[in-house]
């Protein structure tokens, strides 16, 4: 479980999941060492359920484990975590823009703007001030 309290250091990069590419398979959720990934599900009626994973930016430490499993430097193979290539590491200063564009369906982003984009903007400002 992640530590509570203020950050000691803002990461250079944070993970962002492209909701359009994510299928909600939860493979990233299983490997995250700080438990900052959650599954979102929205029921849209007759068309079924839309599911995607989301990163809690306040808890993300930028470790990249959700993108690829660390290997020995002598190993030429990279083990990717997401089979759909839906996760990318984004410079902290750019995260607010990226989350606003690919963080979920437009109505979801609009309804959760402060939590998603506001948090990302706050972290960018902390990073710029560091």
C-alpha atoms as a PDB file:
ATOM      1  CA  UNK A   1       0.000   0.000   0.000  1.00  0.00           C
ATOM      2  CA  UNK A   2       1.255   3.476  -0.865  1.00  0.00           C
ATOM      3  CA  UNK A   3       2.316   5.861   1.846  1.00  0.00           C
ATOM      4  CA  UNK A   4      -0.061   8.651   2.757  1.00  0.00           C
ATOM      5  CA  UNK A   5       1.129  12.224   3.102  1.00  0.00           C
ATOM      6  CA  UNK A   6       2.871  14.806   0.965  1.00  0.00           C
ATOM      7  CA  UNK A   7       5.324  13.836  -1.752  1.00  0.00           C
ATOM      8  CA  UNK A   8       9.007  14.135  -1.106  1.00  0.00           C
ATOM      9  CA  UNK A   9       9.764  14.355  -4.817  1.00  0.00           C
ATOM     10  CA  UNK A  10       7.666  14.847  -7.951  1.00  0.00           C
ATOM     11  CA  UNK A  11       8.628  12.320 -10.661  1.00  0.00           C
ATOM     12  CA  UNK A  12      10.041  13.495 -13.998  1.00  0.00           C
ATOM     13  CA  UNK A  13       7.451  11.356 -15.774  1.00  0.00           C
ATOM     14  CA  UNK A  14       4.078   9.909 -14.841  1.00  0.00           C
ATOM     15  CA  UNK A  15       2.164   7.031 -16.391  1.00  0.00           C
ATOM     16  CA  UNK A  16      -0.954   7.820 -18.412  1.00  0.00           C
ATOM     17  CA  UNK A  17      -3.345   5.231 -19.810  1.00  0.00           C
ATOM     18  CA  UNK A  18      -4.988   5.871 -23.171  1.00  0.00           C
ATOM     19  CA  UNK A  19      -8.577   4.937 -22.375  1.00  0.00           C
ATOM     20  CA  UNK A  20      -9.365   4.287 -26.052  1.00  0.00           C
ATOM     21  CA  UNK A  21      -6.666   1.597 -26.263  1.00  0.00           C
ATOM     22  CA  UNK A  22      -7.281   0.083 -22.819  1.00  0.00           C
ATOM     23  CA  UNK A  23      -9.519  -2.998 -22.591  1.00  0.00           C
ATOM     24  CA  UNK A  24      -9.585  -3.159 -18.798  1.00  0.00           C
ATOM     25  CA  UNK A  25      -7.583  -6.406 -18.693  1.00  0.00           C
ATOM     26  CA  UNK A  26      -5.966  -5.221 -15.424  1.00  0.00           C
ATOM     27  CA  UNK A  27      -2.466  -6.515 -16.231  1.00  0.00           C
ATOM     28  CA  UNK A  28      -1.030  -3.112 -15.223  1.00  0.00           C
ATOM     29  CA  UNK A  29      -3.043  -3.131 -12.018  1.00  0.00           C
ATOM     30  CA  UNK A  30      -1.437  -6.422 -11.010  1.00  0.00           C
ATOM     31  CA  UNK A  31       2.160  -5.166 -11.291  1.00  0.00           C
ATOM     32  CA  UNK A  32       1.901  -1.629  -9.884  1.00  0.00           C
ATOM     33  CA  UNK A  33       4.084  -1.469  -6.755  1.00  0.00           C
ATOM     34  CA  UNK A  34       2.211   1.534  -5.277  1.00  0.00           C
ATOM     35  CA  UNK A  35      -1.369   0.435  -6.091  1.00  0.00           C
ATOM     36  CA  UNK A  36      -2.156   3.609  -8.026  1.00  0.00           C
ATOM     37  CA  UNK A  37      -4.153   1.942 -10.825  1.00  0.00           C
ATOM     38  CA  UNK A  38      -7.891   1.341 -10.688  1.00  0.00           C
ATOM     39  CA  UNK A  39     -10.441  -0.123 -13.085  1.00  0.00           C
ATOM     40  CA  UNK A  40     -13.242   2.133 -14.303  1.00  0.00           C
ATOM     41  CA  UNK A  41     -16.427   0.630 -15.688  1.00  0.00           C
ATOM     42  CA  UNK A  42     -19.265   2.564 -17.256  1.00  0.00           C
ATOM     43  CA  UNK A  43     -22.530   0.914 -18.219  1.00  0.00           C
ATOM     44  CA  UNK A  44     -23.864   2.415 -21.414  1.00  0.00           C
ATOM     45  CA  UNK A  45     -26.976   0.256 -21.656  1.00  0.00           C
ATOM     46  CA  UNK A  46     -27.587  -1.861 -24.740  1.00  0.00           C
ATOM     47  CA  UNK A  47     -24.066  -1.367 -26.088  1.00  0.00           C
ATOM     48  CA  UNK A  48     -22.541  -2.996 -23.038  1.00  0.00           C
ATOM     49  CA  UNK A  49     -19.938  -1.932 -20.541  1.00  0.00           C
ATOM     50  CA  UNK A  50     -16.911   0.197 -21.279  1.00  0.00           C
ATOM     51  CA  UNK A  51     -13.924  -0.536 -19.048  1.00  0.00           C
ATOM     52  CA  UNK A  52     -10.501   1.055 -18.800  1.00  0.00           C
ATOM     53  CA  UNK A  53      -7.806   1.421 -16.189  1.00  0.00           C
ATOM     54  CA  UNK A  54      -6.830   4.783 -14.738  1.00  0.00           C
ATOM     55  CA  UNK A  55      -3.726   6.017 -12.916  1.00  0.00           C
ATOM     56  CA  UNK A  56      -4.076   7.963  -9.669  1.00  0.00           C
ATOM     57  CA  UNK A  57      -1.486  10.626 -10.493  1.00  0.00           C
ATOM     58  CA  UNK A  58      -1.119  11.654  -6.847  1.00  0.00           C
ATOM     59  CA  UNK A  59       0.199   8.175  -6.045  1.00  0.00           C
ATOM     60  CA  UNK A  60       2.153   7.392  -9.232  1.00  0.00           C
ATOM     61  CA  UNK A  61       5.919   7.414  -8.631  1.00  0.00           C
ATOM     62  CA  UNK A  62       6.938   7.170 -12.286  1.00  0.00           C
ATOM     63  CA  UNK A  63       8.591   3.761 -11.892  1.00  0.00           C
ATOM     64  CA  UNK A  64       7.513   2.520 -15.376  1.00  0.00           C
ATOM     65  CA  UNK A  65       6.689  -0.981 -14.072  1.00  0.00           C
ATOM     66  CA  UNK A  66       3.193  -0.689 -15.616  1.00  0.00           C
ATOM     67  CA  UNK A  67       4.856  -0.176 -19.015  1.00  0.00           C
ATOM     68  CA  UNK A  68       7.563  -2.849 -18.903  1.00  0.00           C
ATOM     69  CA  UNK A  69       9.029  -5.276 -16.416  1.00  0.00           C
ATOM     70  CA  UNK A  70      12.613  -4.322 -15.522  1.00  0.00           C
ATOM     71  CA  UNK A  71      15.194  -6.788 -16.832  1.00  0.00           C
ATOM     72  CA  UNK A  72      18.928  -7.157 -16.459  1.00  0.00           C
ATOM     73  CA  UNK A  73      20.793  -4.786 -18.744  1.00  0.00           C
ATOM     74  CA  UNK A  74      22.357  -7.789 -20.456  1.00  0.00           C
ATOM     75  CA  UNK A  75      18.906  -9.150 -21.422  1.00  0.00           C
ATOM     76  CA  UNK A  76      17.916  -7.817 -24.880  1.00  0.00           C
ATOM     77  CA  UNK A  77      14.221  -8.648 -24.411  1.00  0.00           C
ATOM     78  CA  UNK A  78      11.749  -6.247 -22.865  1.00  0.00           C
ATOM     79  CA  UNK A  79       8.679  -7.693 -21.187  1.00  0.00           C
ATOM     80  CA  UNK A  80       5.817  -5.309 -21.832  1.00  0.00           C
ATOM     81  CA  UNK A  81       2.930  -5.315 -19.380  1.00  0.00           C
ATOM     82  CA  UNK A  82       0.048  -3.914 -21.414  1.00  0.00           C
ATOM     83  CA  UNK A  83      -0.833  -6.149 -24.364  1.00  0.00           C
ATOM     84  CA  UNK A  84      -2.594  -3.188 -26.018  1.00  0.00           C
ATOM     85  CA  UNK A  85       0.233  -0.648 -25.668  1.00  0.00           C
ATOM     86  CA  UNK A  86      -2.166   1.678 -23.840  1.00  0.00           C
ATOM     87  CA  UNK A  87       0.263   3.066 -21.241  1.00  0.00           C
ATOM     88  CA  UNK A  88       2.844   5.737 -21.857  1.00  0.00           C
ATOM     89  CA  UNK A  89       5.222   7.665 -19.679  1.00  0.00           C
ATOM     90  CA  UNK A  90       4.617  11.407 -20.066  1.00  0.00           C
ATOM     91  CA  UNK A  91       6.768  14.275 -18.769  1.00  0.00           C
ATOM     92  CA  UNK A  92       5.052  15.612 -15.648  1.00  0.00           C
ATOM     93  CA  UNK A  93       4.789  19.082 -17.195  1.00  0.00           C
ATOM     94  CA  UNK A  94       2.683  17.638 -20.053  1.00  0.00           C
ATOM     95  CA  UNK A  95       0.447  15.241 -18.107  1.00  0.00           C
ATOM     96  CA  UNK A  96      -2.540  17.615 -17.730  1.00  0.00           C
ATOM     97  CA  UNK A  97      -2.797  18.068 -21.510  1.00  0.00           C
ATOM     98  CA  UNK A  98      -2.422  14.362 -22.206  1.00  0.00           C
ATOM     99  CA  UNK A  99      -4.968  13.294 -19.578  1.00  0.00           C
ATOM    100  CA  UNK A 100      -7.476  15.829 -20.923  1.00  0.00           C
ATOM    101  CA  UNK A 101      -7.136  14.259 -24.391  1.00  0.00           C
ATOM    102  CA  UNK A 102      -6.875  10.498 -23.757  1.00  0.00           C
ATOM    103  CA  UNK A 103      -7.843   9.925 -20.109  1.00  0.00           C
ATOM    104  CA  UNK A 104     -11.352   8.682 -20.805  1.00  0.00           C
ATOM    105  CA  UNK A 105     -14.599   9.427 -22.593  1.00  0.00           C
ATOM    106  CA  UNK A 106     -15.246  13.195 -22.944  1.00  0.00           C
ATOM    107  CA  UNK A 107     -18.168  13.178 -20.510  1.00  0.00           C
ATOM    108  CA  UNK A 108     -16.055  11.307 -17.941  1.00  0.00           C
ATOM    109  CA  UNK A 109     -13.212  13.818 -18.270  1.00  0.00           C
ATOM    110  CA  UNK A 110     -15.677  16.710 -17.963  1.00  0.00           C
ATOM    111  CA  UNK A 111     -17.349  15.238 -14.855  1.00  0.00           C
ATOM    112  CA  UNK A 112     -13.978  14.470 -13.195  1.00  0.00           C
ATOM    113  CA  UNK A 113     -11.977  17.456 -14.475  1.00  0.00           C
ATOM    114  CA  UNK A 114     -10.679  18.649 -11.091  1.00  0.00           C
ATOM    115  CA  UNK A 115      -9.560  15.189  -9.984  1.00  0.00           C
ATOM    116  CA  UNK A 116      -7.939  14.247 -13.294  1.00  0.00           C
ATOM    117  CA  UNK A 117      -6.670  17.381 -15.018  1.00  0.00           C
ATOM    118  CA  UNK A 118      -6.516  19.610 -11.933  1.00  0.00           C
ATOM    119  CA  UNK A 119      -4.311  17.113 -10.102  1.00  0.00           C
ATOM    120  CA  UNK A 120      -2.046  16.761 -13.140  1.00  0.00           C
ATOM    121  CA  UNK A 121      -1.731  20.539 -13.423  1.00  0.00           C
ATOM    122  CA  UNK A 122      -0.870  20.815  -9.731  1.00  0.00           C
ATOM    123  CA  UNK A 123       1.889  18.200 -10.093  1.00  0.00           C
ATOM    124  CA  UNK A 124       3.246  20.020 -13.160  1.00  0.00           C
ATOM    125  CA  UNK A 125       3.422  23.242 -11.169  1.00  0.00           C
ATOM    126  CA  UNK A 126       5.232  21.453  -8.304  1.00  0.00           C
ATOM    127  CA  UNK A 127       7.675  19.947 -10.795  1.00  0.00           C
ATOM    128  CA  UNK A 128       8.317  23.330 -12.434  1.00  0.00           C
ATOM    129  CA  UNK A 129       8.997  24.869  -9.030  1.00  0.00           C
ATOM    130  CA  UNK A 130      11.459  22.136  -8.034  1.00  0.00           C
END
